[in-house]
N, C-alpha and C. Protein backbone atom coordinates (compact mmCIF):
# COMPACT_ATOMS: atom_id res chain seq x y z
N PRO A 1 26.73 9.39 -15.81
CA PRO A 1 27.43 10.60 -15.38
C PRO A 1 27.15 10.91 -13.92
N ALA A 2 28.09 11.56 -13.32
CA ALA A 2 27.94 11.91 -11.91
C ALA A 2 26.86 12.98 -11.77
N GLN A 3 26.14 12.92 -10.70
CA GLN A 3 25.15 13.93 -10.39
C GLN A 3 25.57 14.59 -9.09
N GLN A 4 25.20 15.84 -8.93
CA GLN A 4 25.51 16.50 -7.67
C GLN A 4 24.23 17.00 -7.05
N ARG A 5 24.12 16.88 -5.77
CA ARG A 5 23.01 17.43 -5.00
C ARG A 5 23.45 17.45 -3.54
N ARG A 6 22.79 18.23 -2.77
CA ARG A 6 23.12 18.30 -1.36
C ARG A 6 22.69 17.01 -0.68
N ALA A 7 23.57 16.51 0.17
CA ALA A 7 23.25 15.30 0.92
C ALA A 7 22.29 15.64 2.06
N ARG A 8 22.34 16.90 2.51
CA ARG A 8 21.49 17.34 3.61
C ARG A 8 20.85 18.66 3.21
N GLY A 9 19.80 19.05 3.88
CA GLY A 9 19.15 20.31 3.60
C GLY A 9 19.77 21.48 4.33
N ASP A 10 20.94 21.33 4.89
CA ASP A 10 21.54 22.40 5.70
C ASP A 10 22.65 23.15 4.96
N GLY A 11 22.60 23.12 3.61
CA GLY A 11 23.61 23.85 2.84
C GLY A 11 24.97 23.18 2.87
N GLY A 12 25.03 21.91 3.21
CA GLY A 12 26.29 21.18 3.20
C GLY A 12 27.05 21.25 4.51
N ALA A 13 26.53 21.98 5.49
CA ALA A 13 27.23 22.08 6.77
C ALA A 13 27.10 20.77 7.53
N SER A 14 28.10 20.45 8.26
CA SER A 14 28.08 19.24 9.09
C SER A 14 28.98 19.51 10.29
N ALA A 15 29.30 18.46 11.01
CA ALA A 15 30.20 18.62 12.15
C ALA A 15 31.50 19.26 11.69
N PRO A 16 32.10 20.12 12.50
CA PRO A 16 33.35 20.77 12.09
C PRO A 16 34.41 19.75 11.70
N VAL A 17 35.13 20.08 10.64
CA VAL A 17 36.19 19.22 10.14
C VAL A 17 37.51 19.94 10.38
N ALA A 18 38.52 19.22 10.86
CA ALA A 18 39.84 19.81 11.04
C ALA A 18 40.49 19.93 9.68
N LEU A 19 40.61 21.15 9.20
CA LEU A 19 41.15 21.38 7.86
C LEU A 19 42.66 21.48 7.88
N ASN A 20 43.26 21.01 6.81
CA ASN A 20 44.69 21.21 6.59
C ASN A 20 44.91 22.69 6.30
N PRO A 21 46.16 23.16 6.30
CA PRO A 21 46.42 24.57 5.94
C PRO A 21 45.93 24.85 4.51
N PRO A 22 45.44 26.07 4.25
CA PRO A 22 44.94 26.41 2.92
C PRO A 22 45.98 26.14 1.83
N SER A 23 45.48 25.68 0.70
CA SER A 23 46.32 25.30 -0.43
C SER A 23 45.51 25.48 -1.71
N ARG A 24 46.19 25.53 -2.84
CA ARG A 24 45.49 25.55 -4.13
C ARG A 24 44.87 24.19 -4.43
N ALA A 25 45.32 23.16 -3.75
CA ALA A 25 44.85 21.78 -3.97
C ALA A 25 43.77 21.42 -2.98
N ILE A 26 42.74 20.73 -3.48
CA ILE A 26 41.75 20.17 -2.56
C ILE A 26 41.73 18.66 -2.74
N TRP A 27 41.54 17.98 -1.63
CA TRP A 27 41.38 16.53 -1.59
C TRP A 27 39.89 16.26 -1.48
N ILE A 28 39.40 15.35 -2.29
CA ILE A 28 37.98 14.99 -2.28
C ILE A 28 37.90 13.52 -1.92
N GLY A 29 37.34 13.23 -0.77
CA GLY A 29 37.23 11.86 -0.30
C GLY A 29 35.86 11.27 -0.57
N ASN A 30 35.81 9.94 -0.60
CA ASN A 30 34.57 9.19 -0.81
C ASN A 30 34.09 9.31 -2.26
N VAL A 31 35.04 9.30 -3.19
CA VAL A 31 34.74 9.39 -4.62
C VAL A 31 34.53 7.98 -5.15
N GLY A 32 33.32 7.71 -5.61
CA GLY A 32 32.98 6.38 -6.11
C GLY A 32 33.56 6.10 -7.48
N ASP A 33 33.54 4.83 -7.87
CA ASP A 33 34.09 4.44 -9.17
C ASP A 33 33.18 4.86 -10.33
N ASP A 34 32.02 5.43 -10.01
CA ASP A 34 31.12 5.92 -11.05
C ASP A 34 31.41 7.38 -11.43
N VAL A 35 32.43 7.98 -10.82
CA VAL A 35 32.78 9.37 -11.06
C VAL A 35 34.03 9.42 -11.94
N SER A 36 33.96 10.17 -13.05
CA SER A 36 35.09 10.28 -13.97
C SER A 36 35.83 11.60 -13.75
N LYS A 37 36.99 11.70 -14.36
CA LYS A 37 37.77 12.94 -14.32
C LYS A 37 36.95 14.09 -14.92
N ASP A 38 36.26 13.81 -16.03
CA ASP A 38 35.41 14.83 -16.65
C ASP A 38 34.30 15.29 -15.71
N ASP A 39 33.72 14.35 -14.95
CA ASP A 39 32.68 14.71 -13.98
C ASP A 39 33.23 15.68 -12.94
N VAL A 40 34.41 15.37 -12.41
CA VAL A 40 35.02 16.21 -11.38
C VAL A 40 35.32 17.60 -11.96
N GLU A 41 35.90 17.65 -13.15
CA GLU A 41 36.21 18.93 -13.79
C GLU A 41 34.94 19.75 -13.98
N ARG A 42 33.88 19.14 -14.46
CA ARG A 42 32.62 19.84 -14.72
C ARG A 42 32.02 20.41 -13.44
N VAL A 43 32.05 19.63 -12.37
CA VAL A 43 31.44 20.04 -11.11
C VAL A 43 32.25 21.15 -10.42
N PHE A 44 33.58 21.12 -10.54
CA PHE A 44 34.41 22.09 -9.84
C PHE A 44 34.81 23.29 -10.70
N ALA A 45 34.61 23.24 -12.01
CA ALA A 45 34.98 24.35 -12.89
C ALA A 45 34.32 25.68 -12.54
N PRO A 46 33.08 25.71 -12.04
CA PRO A 46 32.48 27.01 -11.70
C PRO A 46 33.24 27.80 -10.63
N PHE A 47 34.14 27.16 -9.90
CA PHE A 47 34.86 27.84 -8.83
C PHE A 47 36.14 28.52 -9.30
N GLY A 48 36.57 28.24 -10.53
CA GLY A 48 37.76 28.90 -11.05
C GLY A 48 38.53 28.00 -11.99
N LEU A 49 39.64 28.53 -12.48
CA LEU A 49 40.48 27.78 -13.40
C LEU A 49 41.13 26.60 -12.69
N ILE A 50 41.04 25.44 -13.32
CA ILE A 50 41.60 24.22 -12.76
C ILE A 50 42.90 23.90 -13.49
N GLU A 51 43.95 23.70 -12.71
CA GLU A 51 45.25 23.33 -13.28
C GLU A 51 45.28 21.83 -13.60
N SER A 52 44.76 21.01 -12.69
CA SER A 52 44.79 19.56 -12.91
C SER A 52 43.76 18.86 -12.04
N VAL A 53 43.39 17.66 -12.48
CA VAL A 53 42.49 16.78 -11.73
C VAL A 53 43.10 15.38 -11.76
N ARG A 54 43.17 14.75 -10.59
CA ARG A 54 43.63 13.35 -10.50
C ARG A 54 42.59 12.57 -9.71
N ILE A 55 42.25 11.40 -10.21
CA ILE A 55 41.37 10.50 -9.47
C ILE A 55 42.18 9.26 -9.11
N LEU A 56 42.10 8.86 -7.83
CA LEU A 56 42.79 7.66 -7.36
C LEU A 56 41.72 6.65 -6.94
N PRO A 57 41.24 5.83 -7.90
CA PRO A 57 40.14 4.91 -7.60
C PRO A 57 40.44 3.95 -6.45
N ALA A 58 41.67 3.48 -6.34
CA ALA A 58 42.01 2.53 -5.28
C ALA A 58 41.87 3.16 -3.89
N LYS A 59 42.00 4.48 -3.82
CA LYS A 59 41.88 5.18 -2.53
C LYS A 59 40.56 5.93 -2.42
N THR A 60 39.67 5.75 -3.40
CA THR A 60 38.36 6.43 -3.45
C THR A 60 38.46 7.92 -3.16
N CYS A 61 39.45 8.57 -3.82
CA CYS A 61 39.60 10.01 -3.64
C CYS A 61 40.03 10.66 -4.94
N ALA A 62 39.99 11.98 -4.94
CA ALA A 62 40.44 12.77 -6.08
C ALA A 62 41.14 14.02 -5.56
N PHE A 63 41.95 14.62 -6.40
CA PHE A 63 42.60 15.88 -6.10
C PHE A 63 42.32 16.86 -7.23
N VAL A 64 41.98 18.08 -6.87
CA VAL A 64 41.78 19.15 -7.85
C VAL A 64 42.74 20.27 -7.48
N ASN A 65 43.58 20.68 -8.41
CA ASN A 65 44.48 21.81 -8.21
C ASN A 65 43.90 23.01 -8.95
N PHE A 66 43.55 24.04 -8.19
CA PHE A 66 43.07 25.28 -8.76
C PHE A 66 44.25 26.21 -9.00
N MET A 67 43.99 27.32 -9.69
CA MET A 67 45.04 28.29 -9.95
C MET A 67 45.30 29.19 -8.74
N SER A 68 44.34 29.25 -7.79
CA SER A 68 44.55 30.09 -6.62
C SER A 68 43.95 29.45 -5.37
N ILE A 69 44.46 29.84 -4.22
CA ILE A 69 43.93 29.36 -2.95
C ILE A 69 42.49 29.83 -2.76
N HIS A 70 42.20 31.05 -3.20
CA HIS A 70 40.84 31.59 -3.07
C HIS A 70 39.83 30.69 -3.78
N GLN A 71 40.15 30.23 -4.98
CA GLN A 71 39.25 29.35 -5.73
C GLN A 71 39.08 28.01 -5.02
N ALA A 72 40.17 27.46 -4.52
CA ALA A 72 40.10 26.18 -3.80
C ALA A 72 39.25 26.31 -2.54
N THR A 73 39.40 27.43 -1.84
CA THR A 73 38.65 27.65 -0.61
C THR A 73 37.16 27.76 -0.90
N ALA A 74 36.80 28.47 -1.96
CA ALA A 74 35.38 28.58 -2.33
C ALA A 74 34.80 27.21 -2.66
N ALA A 75 35.54 26.41 -3.41
CA ALA A 75 35.06 25.06 -3.77
C ALA A 75 34.92 24.19 -2.53
N LEU A 76 35.90 24.26 -1.64
CA LEU A 76 35.87 23.45 -0.43
C LEU A 76 34.63 23.76 0.40
N HIS A 77 34.35 25.03 0.62
CA HIS A 77 33.21 25.40 1.46
C HIS A 77 31.87 25.12 0.79
N GLU A 78 31.78 25.35 -0.50
CA GLU A 78 30.51 25.19 -1.20
C GLU A 78 30.18 23.72 -1.49
N MET A 79 31.19 22.90 -1.73
CA MET A 79 30.95 21.52 -2.16
C MET A 79 31.02 20.49 -1.02
N GLN A 80 31.38 20.92 0.18
CA GLN A 80 31.46 19.99 1.32
C GLN A 80 30.11 19.30 1.51
N GLY A 81 30.11 17.96 1.48
CA GLY A 81 28.90 17.18 1.72
C GLY A 81 28.00 16.99 0.52
N VAL A 82 28.37 17.51 -0.64
CA VAL A 82 27.57 17.33 -1.84
C VAL A 82 27.68 15.88 -2.31
N VAL A 83 26.61 15.37 -2.88
CA VAL A 83 26.63 14.03 -3.44
C VAL A 83 27.21 14.11 -4.85
N LEU A 84 28.28 13.40 -5.07
CA LEU A 84 28.95 13.33 -6.37
C LEU A 84 28.86 11.88 -6.81
N GLY A 85 28.20 11.64 -7.92
CA GLY A 85 27.90 10.25 -8.28
C GLY A 85 26.81 9.77 -7.36
N HIS A 86 27.13 8.80 -6.52
CA HIS A 86 26.14 8.25 -5.59
C HIS A 86 26.55 8.39 -4.13
N GLN A 87 27.61 9.18 -3.86
CA GLN A 87 28.11 9.26 -2.50
C GLN A 87 28.36 10.71 -2.08
N SER A 88 28.14 10.98 -0.81
CA SER A 88 28.43 12.29 -0.25
C SER A 88 29.94 12.42 -0.05
N VAL A 89 30.54 13.48 -0.60
CA VAL A 89 32.00 13.63 -0.53
C VAL A 89 32.41 14.46 0.68
N ARG A 90 33.64 14.21 1.12
CA ARG A 90 34.30 15.00 2.14
C ARG A 90 35.44 15.73 1.44
N ILE A 91 35.64 16.98 1.80
CA ILE A 91 36.66 17.78 1.12
C ILE A 91 37.57 18.43 2.15
N ASN A 92 38.86 18.44 1.84
CA ASN A 92 39.85 19.09 2.68
C ASN A 92 40.90 19.69 1.75
N TYR A 93 41.77 20.53 2.28
CA TYR A 93 42.89 21.02 1.49
C TYR A 93 43.88 19.89 1.29
N GLY A 94 44.51 19.87 0.12
CA GLY A 94 45.59 18.93 -0.14
C GLY A 94 46.90 19.53 0.33
N LYS A 95 47.99 18.86 -0.01
CA LYS A 95 49.31 19.37 0.34
C LYS A 95 49.54 20.70 -0.38
N PRO A 96 50.26 21.61 0.28
CA PRO A 96 50.56 22.89 -0.38
C PRO A 96 51.23 22.68 -1.72
N GLN A 97 50.81 23.47 -2.70
CA GLN A 97 51.33 23.35 -4.06
C GLN A 97 52.14 24.59 -4.43
N PRO A 98 53.17 24.40 -5.25
CA PRO A 98 53.91 25.58 -5.73
C PRO A 98 53.00 26.40 -6.65
N PRO A 99 53.40 27.63 -6.96
CA PRO A 99 52.58 28.44 -7.88
C PRO A 99 52.36 27.70 -9.20
N PRO A 100 51.25 28.03 -9.89
CA PRO A 100 50.99 27.37 -11.18
C PRO A 100 52.15 27.59 -12.14
N LYS A 101 52.37 26.62 -13.00
CA LYS A 101 53.47 26.70 -13.95
C LYS A 101 53.00 27.37 -15.25
N LEU A 102 52.98 28.68 -15.22
CA LEU A 102 52.65 29.47 -16.40
C LEU A 102 53.86 30.34 -16.73
N PRO A 103 54.30 30.33 -17.99
CA PRO A 103 55.46 31.15 -18.32
C PRO A 103 55.12 32.63 -18.21
N PRO A 104 56.02 33.42 -17.65
CA PRO A 104 55.78 34.86 -17.60
C PRO A 104 55.61 35.41 -19.01
N LEU A 105 54.73 36.39 -19.16
CA LEU A 105 54.45 36.95 -20.48
C LEU A 105 55.71 37.41 -21.17
N GLY A 106 56.59 38.12 -20.47
CA GLY A 106 57.83 38.60 -21.08
C GLY A 106 58.69 37.48 -21.62
N GLU A 107 58.80 36.39 -20.85
CA GLU A 107 59.60 35.25 -21.29
C GLU A 107 58.98 34.59 -22.51
N ALA A 108 57.67 34.48 -22.54
CA ALA A 108 56.98 33.86 -23.68
C ALA A 108 57.19 34.69 -24.95
N LEU A 109 57.13 36.03 -24.81
CA LEU A 109 57.36 36.89 -25.98
C LEU A 109 58.79 36.77 -26.47
N LEU A 110 59.75 36.72 -25.54
CA LEU A 110 61.15 36.57 -25.91
C LEU A 110 61.37 35.25 -26.65
N GLN A 111 60.79 34.18 -26.16
CA GLN A 111 60.92 32.87 -26.80
C GLN A 111 60.30 32.90 -28.19
N GLN A 112 59.16 33.57 -28.32
CA GLN A 112 58.49 33.67 -29.62
C GLN A 112 59.38 34.43 -30.61
N ARG A 113 60.02 35.50 -30.17
CA ARG A 113 60.90 36.27 -31.05
C ARG A 113 62.10 35.44 -31.49
N ARG A 114 62.65 34.63 -30.57
CA ARG A 114 63.80 33.79 -30.90
C ARG A 114 63.46 32.78 -31.98
N THR A 115 62.29 32.19 -31.88
CA THR A 115 61.92 31.13 -32.84
C THR A 115 61.49 31.70 -34.18
N SER A 116 61.04 32.95 -34.23
CA SER A 116 60.62 33.52 -35.51
C SER A 116 61.72 34.29 -36.19
N ALA A 117 62.89 34.44 -35.55
CA ALA A 117 64.01 35.20 -36.15
C ALA A 117 64.86 34.33 -37.02
């Protein structure tokens, strides 16, 4: 299983990184083949609800889509430089994502009434 720890004793701070515009998605670079989707979900879940996780082993990266930009920003700042598996990861915002796909409560209730009638 993947382990997490700080790569440095400076709270994860390093040379300034040029960040992409804020997004609900974060890109995680330098993800080793010893890191699973479950590992990524477990490590990033404390920052908020996760919509999806994708790992691209051929590109040694992963993407985590949170439900809000605020959650993604907290994860980006807190996890920058953390060792995940056996490697220190780099994190940036991913491409801007549309709002999460959750049915509005009113629409869900209407659909429920239609199917039970």
